[in-house]
Amino acid sequence: MKREHKPRVLVLDADLVPCLTISRSLFRRGCLVDAASHTLRPLSRYSNAVNAIFQYPDPLAVPDAFVDWLLEHLRTTAYDLVIPVTERTLVVLSDRRERLSHINIAMPEAASLEVALDKAQTLELADRVGVPRPLGITLTSLDELGGLKKSLKFPVVLKPARSIGSAAGGASQLQVSYAFDASELQAGCAHALQFGPVLLQEYFHGIGVGVELIARQGEIGYAFQHRRLHEVPLTGGGSSLRSSEPVMPQLLEASERLIAALNWSGVAMVEFKLEPRTQEYCLMEINGRFWGSLPLAVAAGADFPSMLLDLELDDAMKPCKPYRINIHCRLLSRDLAWYEAVLRGGTDARIATVPTRWDVIKSLGLFLHPGHRFDVQSLRDPVPGLADVSRLVKGYVHRLLSLVNEWRFSARQRRAWKKGEVRRAISEARSILFLCYGNINRSALADVMVRAYAEDSGIAVDSAGFHRQIGRPADPVMVEIAGQFGVDMKAIRSGCVTEQQLRDSDVIFVMEKAHYDRLLSVDAALAGKVFLLGAHRSHAGWPVEIADPYGQSRASYKACYERIAEAIDNIKAVIAERASD
């Protein structure tokens, strides 16, 4: 059906690459495309496919203000279609459908979307329709974990029930984590439960495969499949390099059962893990919106934005030509991070296949492949690609300058210990303060280890953190590890640092440069009495910062304990000399 006017479309989330892909696709279809974002200079603003760019309030921080902006904007500008690209905007709009009922927004029915957004409901749906999925259970309280620890098979995947979680009145984008033993599971769940229920799943070894599709009332009209070649981080995350491949019949059949049960209308990606050797697969999740690897689908000929336009404006799915296989698409900025991660090493081989040198050479060779494309860089629309490269260069320059600054800072801190400045400060101190972010691990441990010893010598010892919530018990993993060495942390409770504490303390030990910088931003006069606890070693290769182990592996907690214990031994030695004098 030929339209009487050029469709005008508003695409949200303009700071993300899929918005750029959608804008380019709809521009080729003859649409007038506007884009909007909560950021000041989104990537899509540089595209010749975008007619106008707008800025709205951050949907995660102020969702109602974002909706108010959209309603006001649409009073002055008429659009045939509004396309939310990520959960960041989609969830907010879906939750306020009554206010937006007069606007044509490309989003599925509320009941269908709710199942796709909630991972626990997604897996229940998989069980009902007979689609394999990892064994797992939904946790709503830490008390429920006690009886599960013995029955769970490690490693355990910790997935927030929703990608967008809420805590302390705000919303946050949540990430997947892993636990390799009971103590890591306890710490990880304690953190994740702050934002809502958490799904505990067995780990399924395999490669990431996505079946992207568009459907109308539960019937798939077109499907596309991609395989992840690079993921960032290497342990599993967003893809930076992926390739198109034929849709596997078993994955398409599984997707059809899920989409039919949801009575889905719109675009979606059904994500699977596939074991290539046995061809076994498991459902991971359903993304009920456009996906990050959309540029690959469009480059291969699966033009989902164009198909969505027909579905939303004509309520019809028009035929689309078969897509091309063996097309590779690369998100340059993220893929550089992949190469960095490979070169740095240290990847946890328990849940990631560590790339070999040959893997790196093969992936570099794809740059010369005739089917190689970039997510952002395009000869037809060059400015976004140039802006992306410019941001990359600026980012690397900034990182280089930061490294130089950190090196100089580390050297100064080491000299302060080596030349006796810290020793003199301790020997003259009447009070010592240990400071970190949460005051439930590092500073709390240092406090307990030195308090009684120092107070016998007339030195008051205290600890605090920047975290505003006070009265929290020490991290249970650190409590357990410290207990093995005879250090009792059970009675300690967290505190939030005050200006009075900073003024009254003669010596302040922090764990990271960020803590040092934060204190000096409050009062530059503190510089003379703030030292890095971990800089006591003079060896240039030894890190001066003591990293926060919270939510990390048990080995990270133990390493943290050992670093702090060694530093405290140095402090105790100075106090002993002071007492003998």
Protein backbone atom coordinates (compact mmCIF):
# COMPACT_ATOMS: atom_id res chain seq x y z
CA MET A 1 0.00 0.00 0.00
CA LYS A 2 1.43 3.36 -1.06
CA ARG A 3 1.39 5.99 1.66
CA GLU A 4 0.13 9.49 1.01
CA HIS A 5 2.92 11.18 2.97
CA LYS A 6 6.50 10.53 4.03
CA PRO A 7 6.38 8.74 7.42
CA ARG A 8 8.01 10.62 10.28
CA VAL A 9 9.62 8.46 12.96
CA LEU A 10 11.17 9.28 16.34
CA VAL A 11 13.89 6.85 17.43
CA LEU A 12 14.89 6.91 21.10
CA ASP A 13 18.19 5.90 22.78
CA ALA A 14 20.17 7.83 20.14
CA ASP A 15 23.43 7.39 22.07
CA LEU A 16 23.50 3.68 21.17
CA VAL A 17 24.56 2.01 17.93
CA PRO A 18 21.22 0.23 17.17
CA CYS A 19 19.51 3.64 16.99
CA LEU A 20 21.99 4.66 14.29
CA THR A 21 21.27 1.45 12.37
CA ILE A 22 17.50 1.98 12.63
CA SER A 23 17.82 5.59 11.52
CA ARG A 24 19.89 4.65 8.48
CA SER A 25 17.46 1.88 7.52
CA LEU A 26 14.34 4.04 7.78
CA PHE A 27 16.03 6.91 5.96
CA ARG A 28 16.65 4.55 3.03
CA ARG A 29 12.95 3.71 3.16
CA GLY A 30 12.13 7.38 2.63
CA CYS A 31 11.20 8.22 6.22
CA LEU A 32 11.90 11.51 7.96
CA VAL A 33 13.85 10.33 11.00
CA ASP A 34 14.33 12.25 14.25
CA ALA A 35 16.39 10.83 17.10
CA ALA A 36 16.53 11.58 20.80
CA SER A 37 18.66 10.64 23.80
CA HIS A 38 19.32 11.65 27.38
CA THR A 39 22.94 12.46 26.46
CA LEU A 40 24.15 15.75 25.06
CA ARG A 41 26.04 14.49 21.99
CA PRO A 42 24.67 11.08 20.98
CA LEU A 43 26.28 9.19 18.13
CA SER A 44 23.22 9.48 15.88
CA ARG A 45 23.42 13.27 15.84
CA TYR A 46 26.28 13.01 13.32
CA SER A 47 24.32 10.88 10.85
CA ASN A 48 23.02 12.27 7.57
CA ALA A 49 20.05 9.94 8.05
CA VAL A 50 18.82 11.93 11.06
CA ASN A 51 16.71 15.01 10.42
CA ALA A 52 16.77 16.44 13.96
CA ILE A 53 18.20 15.46 17.33
CA PHE A 54 16.60 16.06 20.75
CA GLN A 55 17.57 15.56 24.38
CA TYR A 56 15.25 14.19 27.06
CA PRO A 57 15.61 13.58 30.83
CA ASP A 58 17.35 10.35 31.84
CA PRO A 59 14.65 7.63 31.91
CA LEU A 60 16.49 5.66 34.59
CA ALA A 61 16.90 8.62 36.94
CA VAL A 62 13.64 10.53 36.32
CA PRO A 63 11.19 8.29 34.38
CA ASP A 64 8.15 10.54 34.80
CA ALA A 65 10.07 13.57 33.59
CA PHE A 66 11.09 11.57 30.53
CA VAL A 67 7.45 10.69 29.75
CA ASP A 68 6.40 14.31 30.34
CA TRP A 69 9.05 15.40 27.84
CA LEU A 70 7.81 12.90 25.25
CA LEU A 71 4.18 14.00 25.62
CA GLU A 72 5.13 17.65 25.33
CA HIS A 73 7.37 16.99 22.33
CA LEU A 74 4.61 15.10 20.54
CA ARG A 75 2.18 17.99 21.07
CA THR A 76 4.35 20.12 18.79
CA THR A 77 5.68 17.44 16.41
CA ALA A 78 3.53 14.72 14.90
CA TYR A 79 5.08 11.28 14.41
CA ASP A 80 3.73 8.21 12.70
CA LEU A 81 5.83 5.98 14.96
CA VAL A 82 8.00 6.16 18.08
CA ILE A 83 10.64 3.42 18.48
CA PRO A 84 12.21 2.74 21.90
CA VAL A 85 15.46 0.85 21.31
CA THR A 86 16.43 -0.49 24.75
CA GLU A 87 14.82 -1.47 28.07
CA ARG A 88 16.00 1.90 29.37
CA THR A 89 13.14 3.61 27.53
CA LEU A 90 10.92 0.62 26.70
CA VAL A 91 10.22 -0.34 30.32
CA VAL A 92 9.32 3.23 31.29
CA LEU A 93 6.94 3.61 28.34
CA SER A 94 5.35 0.20 28.88
CA ASP A 95 4.68 0.97 32.55
CA ARG A 96 2.83 4.16 31.54
CA ARG A 97 0.76 2.89 28.63
CA GLU A 98 -2.42 4.61 29.80
CA ARG A 99 -0.82 8.04 29.49
CA LEU A 100 0.55 7.13 26.05
CA SER A 101 -2.38 5.25 24.51
CA HIS A 102 -2.84 7.88 21.78
CA ILE A 103 0.76 7.47 20.56
CA ASN A 104 1.88 4.77 18.13
CA ILE A 105 4.82 3.24 20.01
CA ALA A 106 6.57 0.16 18.67
CA MET A 107 6.34 -2.15 21.65
CA PRO A 108 4.70 -5.52 22.29
CA GLU A 109 1.60 -6.05 24.39
CA ALA A 110 2.20 -5.48 28.10
CA ALA A 111 1.56 -9.09 29.14
CA SER A 112 3.93 -10.46 26.49
CA LEU A 113 6.64 -7.95 27.31
CA GLU A 114 6.38 -8.68 31.04
CA VAL A 115 7.29 -12.33 30.46
CA ALA A 116 10.23 -11.40 28.24
CA LEU A 117 11.53 -8.82 30.73
CA ASP A 118 11.32 -11.15 33.74
CA LYS A 119 13.88 -13.93 33.35
CA ALA A 120 12.11 -16.21 35.83
CA GLN A 121 8.85 -15.95 33.86
CA THR A 122 10.79 -16.53 30.63
CA LEU A 123 12.17 -19.80 31.96
CA GLU A 124 8.76 -20.88 33.24
CA LEU A 125 7.45 -20.28 29.72
CA ALA A 126 10.28 -22.41 28.32
CA ASP A 127 9.24 -25.25 30.60
CA ARG A 128 5.63 -24.99 29.47
CA VAL A 129 6.45 -25.15 25.76
CA GLY A 130 9.26 -27.70 26.05
CA VAL A 131 12.29 -25.54 25.26
CA PRO A 132 15.52 -26.62 27.04
CA ARG A 133 16.86 -24.16 29.53
CA PRO A 134 19.51 -24.22 32.31
CA LEU A 135 18.43 -25.56 35.68
CA GLY A 136 17.87 -22.73 38.10
CA ILE A 137 15.87 -21.16 40.86
CA THR A 138 14.75 -17.62 41.69
CA LEU A 139 15.99 -16.17 44.96
CA THR A 140 14.10 -13.34 46.68
CA SER A 141 15.86 -13.33 50.06
CA LEU A 142 19.29 -14.24 51.35
CA ASP A 143 17.61 -16.45 53.96
CA GLU A 144 16.51 -18.80 51.15
CA LEU A 145 20.11 -19.46 50.14
CA GLY A 146 21.10 -21.57 53.15
CA GLY A 147 19.32 -24.75 52.08
CA LEU A 148 20.36 -24.41 48.44
CA LYS A 149 24.14 -24.22 48.71
CA LYS A 150 24.66 -27.99 48.91
CA SER A 151 22.34 -28.79 46.01
CA LEU A 152 23.74 -26.23 43.56
CA LYS A 153 26.37 -27.25 41.05
CA PHE A 154 29.20 -24.75 40.64
CA PRO A 155 29.90 -22.54 38.83
CA VAL A 156 26.58 -20.80 39.38
CA VAL A 157 25.40 -17.95 37.16
CA LEU A 158 23.78 -15.05 39.02
CA LYS A 159 21.31 -13.23 36.82
CA PRO A 160 19.23 -10.27 38.01
CA ALA A 161 15.57 -11.13 37.36
CA ARG A 162 15.37 -7.95 35.26
CA SER A 163 18.04 -6.08 33.31
CA ILE A 164 16.86 -2.84 34.94
CA GLY A 165 16.81 -3.01 38.73
CA SER A 166 15.81 -0.56 41.45
CA ALA A 167 17.45 0.27 44.74
CA ALA A 168 17.38 3.29 47.04
CA GLY A 169 14.86 5.05 44.84
CA GLY A 170 16.88 4.82 41.62
CA ALA A 171 17.19 2.44 38.70
CA SER A 172 20.34 0.74 37.47
CA GLN A 173 21.47 -1.36 34.52
CA LEU A 174 22.36 -4.75 36.03
CA GLN A 175 24.94 -7.33 34.96
CA VAL A 176 25.41 -11.09 35.15
CA SER A 177 28.03 -12.49 37.57
CA TYR A 178 29.44 -15.91 38.50
CA ALA A 179 30.12 -17.81 41.72
CA PHE A 180 32.55 -20.73 42.02
CA ASP A 181 31.96 -21.67 45.65
CA ALA A 182 29.48 -21.12 48.47
CA SER A 183 31.20 -18.02 49.87
CA GLU A 184 31.27 -16.28 46.47
CA LEU A 185 27.63 -17.22 46.03
CA GLN A 186 26.74 -15.65 49.39
CA ALA A 187 28.54 -12.39 48.55
CA GLY A 188 27.17 -12.22 45.01
CA CYS A 189 23.58 -12.81 46.11
CA ALA A 190 23.86 -10.23 48.90
CA HIS A 191 24.87 -7.64 46.32
CA ALA A 192 22.36 -8.62 43.61
CA LEU A 193 19.38 -8.85 45.98
CA GLN A 194 19.70 -5.14 46.72
CA PHE A 195 18.15 -4.56 43.27
CA GLY A 196 15.47 -7.27 43.33
CA PRO A 197 15.16 -11.04 42.87
CA VAL A 198 18.11 -12.93 41.43
CA LEU A 199 18.06 -16.04 39.24
CA LEU A 200 20.60 -18.75 40.11
CA GLN A 201 21.41 -20.98 37.13
CA GLU A 202 23.79 -23.79 36.33
CA TYR A 203 26.49 -22.81 33.87
CA PHE A 204 25.98 -24.18 30.35
CA HIS A 205 29.16 -24.42 28.28
CA GLY A 206 28.63 -23.30 24.71
CA ILE A 207 28.75 -20.46 22.23
CA GLY A 208 26.28 -17.60 22.04
CA VAL A 209 23.75 -17.82 19.21
CA GLY A 210 20.88 -15.42 18.60
CA VAL A 211 17.72 -15.94 16.54
CA GLU A 212 16.40 -12.49 15.63
CA LEU A 213 12.86 -12.27 14.34
CA ILE A 214 9.78 -10.23 13.64
CA ALA A 215 6.34 -11.63 14.41
CA ARG A 216 2.70 -10.72 14.19
CA GLN A 217 0.30 -12.14 16.78
CA GLY A 218 2.61 -15.02 17.60
CA GLU A 219 3.54 -15.95 14.04
CA ILE A 220 7.14 -15.40 12.94
CA GLY A 221 7.32 -13.67 9.59
CA TYR A 222 11.10 -13.52 9.21
CA ALA A 223 14.05 -14.97 11.16
CA PHE A 224 17.80 -14.41 11.13
CA GLN A 225 20.60 -16.09 13.06
CA HIS A 226 23.98 -14.86 14.19
CA ARG A 227 26.87 -16.43 16.04
CA ARG A 228 29.01 -14.55 18.54
CA LEU A 229 32.72 -14.61 17.70
CA HIS A 230 34.00 -12.08 20.26
CA GLU A 231 32.39 -11.18 23.59
CA VAL A 232 33.38 -8.45 26.04
CA PRO A 233 34.20 -9.37 28.74
CA LEU A 234 35.65 -12.69 27.62
CA THR A 235 33.67 -14.49 30.32
CA GLY A 236 30.45 -13.49 28.56
CA GLY A 237 28.89 -10.18 27.62
CA GLY A 238 27.92 -8.09 24.63
CA SER A 239 29.30 -9.23 21.30
CA SER A 240 31.91 -7.13 19.51
CA LEU A 241 32.29 -9.40 16.47
CA ARG A 242 29.65 -11.73 15.11
CA SER A 243 28.72 -13.49 11.85
CA SER A 244 25.50 -14.39 10.02
CA GLU A 245 24.66 -18.04 9.51
CA PRO A 246 21.66 -20.13 8.42
CA VAL A 247 18.90 -20.47 10.99
CA MET A 248 19.19 -23.87 12.67
CA PRO A 249 15.85 -25.72 12.39
CA GLN A 250 15.82 -26.75 16.06
CA LEU A 251 16.48 -23.18 17.23
CA LEU A 252 13.82 -21.79 14.90
CA GLU A 253 11.32 -24.36 16.14
CA ALA A 254 12.08 -23.47 19.76
CA SER A 255 11.71 -19.77 18.95
CA GLU A 256 8.38 -20.42 17.21
CA ARG A 257 7.00 -22.20 20.28
CA LEU A 258 8.04 -19.34 22.56
CA ILE A 259 6.77 -16.56 20.29
CA ALA A 260 3.45 -18.35 19.69
CA ALA A 261 2.90 -18.82 23.42
CA LEU A 262 3.58 -15.12 23.98
CA ASN A 263 1.33 -14.08 21.07
CA TRP A 264 4.22 -11.76 20.27
CA SER A 265 3.98 -8.85 17.85
CA GLY A 266 7.11 -6.92 16.95
CA VAL A 267 10.84 -7.59 16.89
CA ALA A 268 12.69 -9.81 19.35
CA MET A 269 15.86 -11.82 19.78
CA VAL A 270 15.78 -15.28 21.30
CA GLU A 271 19.22 -15.96 22.75
CA PHE A 272 20.60 -19.48 23.08
CA LYS A 273 23.79 -21.21 24.19
CA LEU A 274 24.80 -23.94 21.74
CA GLU A 275 27.26 -26.78 22.30
CA PRO A 276 28.74 -27.17 18.78
CA ARG A 277 29.97 -30.73 19.26
CA THR A 278 26.71 -32.25 20.51
CA GLN A 279 24.32 -29.63 19.06
CA GLU A 280 22.65 -29.40 22.47
CA TYR A 281 21.23 -25.97 23.26
CA CYS A 282 19.69 -24.00 26.09
CA LEU A 283 17.54 -20.89 26.12
CA MET A 284 19.25 -17.94 27.78
CA GLU A 285 16.71 -15.15 27.45
CA ILE A 286 14.30 -13.31 25.17
CA ASN A 287 15.17 -9.70 24.30
CA GLY A 288 11.85 -8.05 23.57
CA ARG A 289 13.29 -5.15 21.61
CA PHE A 290 16.03 -4.35 19.10
CA TRP A 291 19.34 -6.03 19.93
CA GLY A 292 22.96 -4.87 19.97
CA SER A 293 23.97 -6.95 16.93
CA LEU A 294 21.26 -5.37 14.74
CA PRO A 295 23.91 -3.82 12.38
CA LEU A 296 24.92 -7.34 11.32
CA ALA A 297 21.35 -8.34 10.44
CA VAL A 298 20.80 -5.21 8.33
CA ALA A 299 24.21 -5.56 6.64
CA ALA A 300 23.32 -9.15 5.71
CA GLY A 301 19.99 -8.06 4.20
CA ALA A 302 17.64 -8.78 7.11
CA ASP A 303 16.26 -5.24 7.36
CA PHE A 304 14.26 -5.52 10.57
CA PRO A 305 13.69 -1.75 11.04
CA SER A 306 12.05 -1.58 7.59
CA MET A 307 9.95 -4.66 8.34
CA LEU A 308 8.89 -3.17 11.68
CA LEU A 309 7.77 0.01 9.92
CA ASP A 310 5.44 -2.03 7.70
CA LEU A 311 4.13 -3.98 10.67
CA GLU A 312 3.41 -0.90 12.77
CA LEU A 313 1.96 1.31 10.04
CA ASP A 314 0.23 -1.26 7.80
CA ASP A 315 -0.27 -4.16 10.24
CA ALA A 316 1.39 -6.41 7.69
CA MET A 317 4.72 -8.20 7.29
CA LYS A 318 5.90 -7.74 3.74
CA PRO A 319 8.14 -10.36 2.11
CA CYS A 320 11.87 -9.82 2.55
CA LYS A 321 14.63 -11.41 0.51
CA PRO A 322 16.77 -14.15 2.12
CA TYR A 323 19.74 -12.71 3.96
CA ARG A 324 23.38 -13.40 3.14
CA ILE A 325 25.38 -15.77 5.29
CA ASN A 326 29.04 -15.42 6.30
CA ILE A 327 28.72 -11.66 6.74
CA HIS A 328 30.82 -10.39 9.67
CA CYS A 329 30.11 -7.19 11.58
CA ARG A 330 32.38 -5.56 14.14
CA LEU A 331 31.76 -2.90 16.78
CA LEU A 332 35.20 -1.30 16.61
CA SER A 333 35.31 0.33 20.04
CA ARG A 334 34.26 -2.80 21.91
CA ASP A 335 36.39 -5.09 19.75
CA LEU A 336 39.52 -3.14 20.61
CA ALA A 337 38.64 -3.86 24.23
CA TRP A 338 38.46 -7.57 23.30
CA TYR A 339 41.99 -7.48 21.88
CA GLU A 340 43.21 -5.65 24.98
CA ALA A 341 41.66 -8.29 27.24
CA VAL A 342 43.27 -11.09 25.25
CA LEU A 343 46.71 -9.43 25.32
CA ARG A 344 46.49 -8.66 29.04
CA GLY A 345 45.57 -12.25 29.86
CA GLY A 346 44.27 -13.24 33.27
CA THR A 347 40.91 -14.44 31.91
CA ASP A 348 39.15 -16.95 34.12
CA ALA A 349 39.45 -20.16 32.08
CA ARG A 350 36.80 -21.82 34.25
CA ILE A 351 34.01 -20.04 32.36
CA ALA A 352 35.71 -18.70 29.26
CA THR A 353 37.57 -20.19 26.34
CA VAL A 354 40.83 -18.25 26.30
CA PRO A 355 41.57 -17.17 22.71
CA THR A 356 44.79 -18.50 21.23
CA ARG A 357 47.26 -16.54 19.12
CA TRP A 358 45.77 -18.24 16.07
CA ASP A 359 42.28 -17.05 17.09
CA VAL A 360 43.58 -13.49 17.19
CA ILE A 361 45.25 -13.81 13.78
CA LYS A 362 42.08 -15.25 12.22
CA SER A 363 39.92 -12.48 13.63
CA LEU A 364 42.34 -9.85 12.32
CA GLY A 365 42.21 -11.53 8.91
CA LEU A 366 38.47 -10.87 8.77
CA PHE A 367 39.25 -7.19 8.17
CA LEU A 368 40.21 -8.29 4.64
CA HIS A 369 37.16 -10.49 4.16
CA PRO A 370 34.75 -9.19 1.46
CA GLY A 371 31.85 -9.77 3.83
CA HIS A 372 33.35 -7.71 6.65
CA ARG A 373 31.37 -4.70 7.90
CA PHE A 374 31.46 -2.25 10.81
CA ASP A 375 28.56 -1.41 13.13
CA VAL A 376 29.21 2.33 12.94
CA GLN A 377 31.67 3.10 10.12
CA SER A 378 29.98 3.52 6.72
CA LEU A 379 31.09 5.17 3.47
CA ARG A 380 27.53 6.33 2.78
CA ASP A 381 27.24 7.95 6.19
CA PRO A 382 30.85 8.66 7.20
CA VAL A 383 30.59 11.26 9.97
CA PRO A 384 29.31 8.95 12.78
CA GLY A 385 32.20 6.60 12.03
CA LEU A 386 34.70 9.45 12.18
CA ALA A 387 33.13 10.67 15.42
CA ASP A 388 33.39 7.14 16.83
CA VAL A 389 37.09 6.91 15.90
CA SER A 390 37.69 10.39 17.33
CA ARG A 391 36.13 9.31 20.62
CA LEU A 392 38.30 6.20 20.60
CA VAL A 393 41.48 8.24 20.08
CA LYS A 394 40.49 10.73 22.78
CA GLY A 395 39.72 7.84 25.11
CA TYR A 396 43.12 6.26 24.58
CA VAL A 397 44.89 9.61 25.01
CA HIS A 398 42.97 10.18 28.23
CA ARG A 399 43.89 6.70 29.44
CA LEU A 400 47.55 7.29 28.62
CA LEU A 401 47.58 10.57 30.53
CA SER A 402 45.78 8.85 33.41
CA LEU A 403 48.40 6.09 33.45
CA VAL A 404 51.18 8.68 33.60
CA ASN A 405 49.35 10.49 36.40
CA GLU A 406 48.80 7.22 38.28
CA TRP A 407 52.46 6.27 37.88
CA ARG A 408 53.60 9.60 39.30
CA PHE A 409 51.10 9.29 42.15
CA SER A 410 52.22 5.72 42.91
CA ALA A 411 55.85 6.81 42.94
CA ARG A 412 55.10 9.64 45.41
CA GLN A 413 53.20 7.27 47.69
CA ARG A 414 56.01 4.70 47.65
CA ARG A 415 58.54 7.42 48.47
CA ALA A 416 56.38 8.53 51.40
CA TRP A 417 56.76 5.06 52.92
CA LYS A 418 60.36 4.46 51.83
CA LYS A 419 61.71 7.86 52.96
CA GLY A 420 60.07 7.61 56.38
CA GLU A 421 57.29 10.19 55.94
CA VAL A 422 54.58 7.67 56.87
CA ARG A 423 56.67 6.36 59.77
CA ARG A 424 57.04 9.86 61.21
CA ALA A 425 53.33 10.56 60.80
CA ILE A 426 52.38 7.36 62.67
CA SER A 427 54.94 7.93 65.41
CA GLU A 428 53.46 11.39 66.11
CA ALA A 429 49.79 10.48 65.59
CA ARG A 430 47.10 10.49 68.25
CA SER A 431 44.46 9.09 65.87
CA ILE A 432 44.44 6.95 62.72
CA LEU A 433 41.56 6.55 60.28
CA PHE A 434 41.22 3.76 57.72
CA LEU A 435 38.99 4.59 54.79
CA CYS A 436 37.53 2.68 51.80
CA TYR A 437 34.26 2.77 49.90
CA GLY A 438 31.90 0.50 51.82
CA ASN A 439 33.67 -0.02 55.17
CA ILE A 440 32.68 -3.69 55.19
CA ASN A 441 35.92 -5.20 53.84
CA ARG A 442 39.21 -3.35 53.54
CA SER A 443 39.04 -0.49 56.05
CA ALA A 444 36.99 -2.62 58.45
CA LEU A 445 39.62 -5.36 58.38
CA ALA A 446 42.48 -2.88 58.93
CA ASP A 447 40.56 -1.32 61.81
CA VAL A 448 40.04 -4.63 63.60
CA MET A 449 43.62 -5.78 63.04
CA VAL A 450 45.28 -2.71 64.55
CA ARG A 451 42.75 -1.10 66.93
CA ALA A 452 43.54 -2.94 70.18
CA TYR A 453 47.29 -2.89 69.50
CA ALA A 454 47.32 0.86 68.80
CA GLU A 455 45.02 1.86 71.64
CA ASP A 456 47.40 0.22 74.11
CA SER A 457 49.92 2.79 72.89
CA GLY A 458 47.49 5.70 73.21
CA ILE A 459 46.51 5.94 69.52
CA ALA A 460 42.78 6.08 68.69
CA VAL A 461 41.83 4.00 65.64
CA ASP A 462 38.65 4.22 63.58
CA SER A 463 37.40 3.29 60.10
CA ALA A 464 34.72 4.55 57.74
CA GLY A 465 33.55 4.52 54.14
CA PHE A 466 31.97 6.74 51.52
CA HIS A 467 28.86 4.53 51.30
CA ARG A 468 25.97 6.42 52.89
CA GLN A 469 24.29 3.38 54.42
CA ILE A 470 25.64 2.81 57.94
CA GLY A 471 25.35 -0.10 60.34
CA ARG A 472 26.03 -2.83 57.78
CA PRO A 473 27.86 -5.95 59.02
CA ALA A 474 31.20 -6.89 57.52
CA ASP A 475 31.21 -8.88 54.29
CA PRO A 476 30.58 -12.54 55.28
CA VAL A 477 33.31 -13.83 52.96
CA MET A 478 35.92 -11.55 54.54
CA VAL A 479 34.61 -12.42 58.02
CA GLU A 480 35.19 -16.10 57.24
CA ILE A 481 38.69 -15.60 55.79
CA ALA A 482 39.78 -13.26 58.59
CA GLY A 483 38.45 -15.77 61.14
CA GLN A 484 40.76 -18.43 59.74
CA PHE A 485 43.67 -16.19 60.75
CA GLY A 486 42.27 -15.41 64.19
CA VAL A 487 40.83 -11.98 63.29
CA ASP A 488 37.25 -11.51 64.52
CA MET A 489 35.20 -9.08 62.37
CA LYS A 490 31.73 -10.21 63.50
CA ALA A 491 31.04 -7.21 65.72
CA ILE A 492 32.08 -4.48 63.32
CA ARG A 493 29.46 -2.27 61.65
CA SER A 494 29.99 0.16 58.78
CA GLY A 495 30.11 3.92 59.14
CA CYS A 496 30.04 6.85 56.70
CA VAL A 497 32.98 9.21 56.94
CA THR A 498 32.28 12.68 58.35
CA GLU A 499 34.11 15.97 58.03
CA GLN A 500 34.73 15.87 61.77
CA GLN A 501 36.51 12.51 61.43
CA LEU A 502 38.72 13.89 58.68
CA ARG A 503 39.66 16.93 60.76
CA ASP A 504 40.35 14.93 63.92
CA SER A 505 42.45 12.20 62.31
CA ASP A 506 46.20 12.73 62.25
CA VAL A 507 46.81 9.97 59.68
CA ILE A 508 44.32 8.72 57.08
CA PHE A 509 44.98 5.52 55.18
CA VAL A 510 43.00 4.97 51.97
CA MET A 511 42.94 1.98 49.61
CA GLU A 512 42.72 3.56 46.15
CA LYS A 513 43.79 6.69 44.35
CA ALA A 514 40.08 7.46 43.80
CA HIS A 515 39.66 7.70 47.58
CA TYR A 516 42.65 10.05 47.80
CA ASP A 517 41.27 12.24 45.00
CA ARG A 518 37.83 12.31 46.59
CA LEU A 519 39.19 13.51 49.92
CA LEU A 520 41.30 16.22 48.32
CA SER A 521 38.30 17.44 46.33
CA VAL A 522 36.62 18.08 49.68
CA ASP A 523 39.64 19.65 51.37
CA ALA A 524 43.01 20.02 49.66
CA ALA A 525 44.63 20.61 53.05
CA LEU A 526 44.22 16.91 53.84
CA ALA A 527 46.96 15.96 51.35
CA GLY A 528 49.72 15.96 53.98
CA LYS A 529 48.10 13.26 56.10
CA VAL A 530 46.48 10.94 53.53
CA PHE A 531 48.46 7.88 52.44
CA LEU A 532 47.83 4.75 50.42
CA LEU A 533 47.90 1.74 52.72
CA GLY A 534 49.12 -0.57 49.95
CA ALA A 535 52.16 1.55 49.01
CA HIS A 536 54.26 0.16 51.86
CA ARG A 537 56.12 -2.09 49.43
CA SER A 538 58.84 -0.35 47.44
CA HIS A 539 58.81 -2.85 44.55
CA ALA A 540 57.81 -0.96 41.38
CA GLY A 541 55.75 -3.85 40.00
CA TRP A 542 53.64 -4.20 43.14
CA PRO A 543 50.30 -2.35 42.90
CA VAL A 544 49.87 0.47 45.38
CA GLU A 545 46.09 0.14 45.38
CA ILE A 546 44.27 -2.55 47.34
CA ALA A 547 41.30 -3.54 45.17
CA ASP A 548 37.82 -4.01 46.58
CA PRO A 549 37.08 -7.77 46.67
CA TYR A 550 33.31 -7.26 47.12
CA GLY A 551 31.40 -9.75 44.97
CA GLN A 552 34.64 -11.13 43.49
CA SER A 553 36.23 -14.57 43.75
CA ARG A 554 37.33 -16.05 47.04
CA ALA A 555 40.92 -15.72 45.84
CA SER A 556 40.38 -11.95 45.54
CA TYR A 557 39.27 -11.78 49.18
CA LYS A 558 42.28 -13.76 50.33
CA ALA A 559 44.67 -11.58 48.30
CA CYS A 560 43.06 -8.48 49.81
CA TYR A 561 43.45 -9.91 53.31
CA GLU A 562 47.13 -10.67 52.73
CA ARG A 563 47.85 -7.18 51.34
CA ILE A 564 46.22 -5.50 54.32
CA ALA A 565 47.78 -7.84 56.88
CA GLU A 566 51.25 -7.09 55.53
CA ALA A 567 50.63 -3.32 55.63
CA ILE A 568 49.27 -3.54 59.18
CA ASP A 569 52.43 -5.40 60.24
CA ASN A 570 54.42 -2.38 59.05
CA ILE A 571 52.18 -0.01 61.05
CA LYS A 572 52.42 -2.20 64.16
CA ALA A 573 56.22 -2.15 63.88
CA VAL A 574 56.21 1.66 63.95
CA ILE A 575 53.82 1.69 66.91
CA ALA A 576 56.07 -0.78 68.76
CA GLU A 577 59.10 1.48 68.19
CA ARG A 578 57.09 4.43 69.45
CA ALA A 579 56.08 2.51 72.57
CA SER A 580 59.69 1.47 73.30
CA ASP A 581 60.85 5.08 72.95
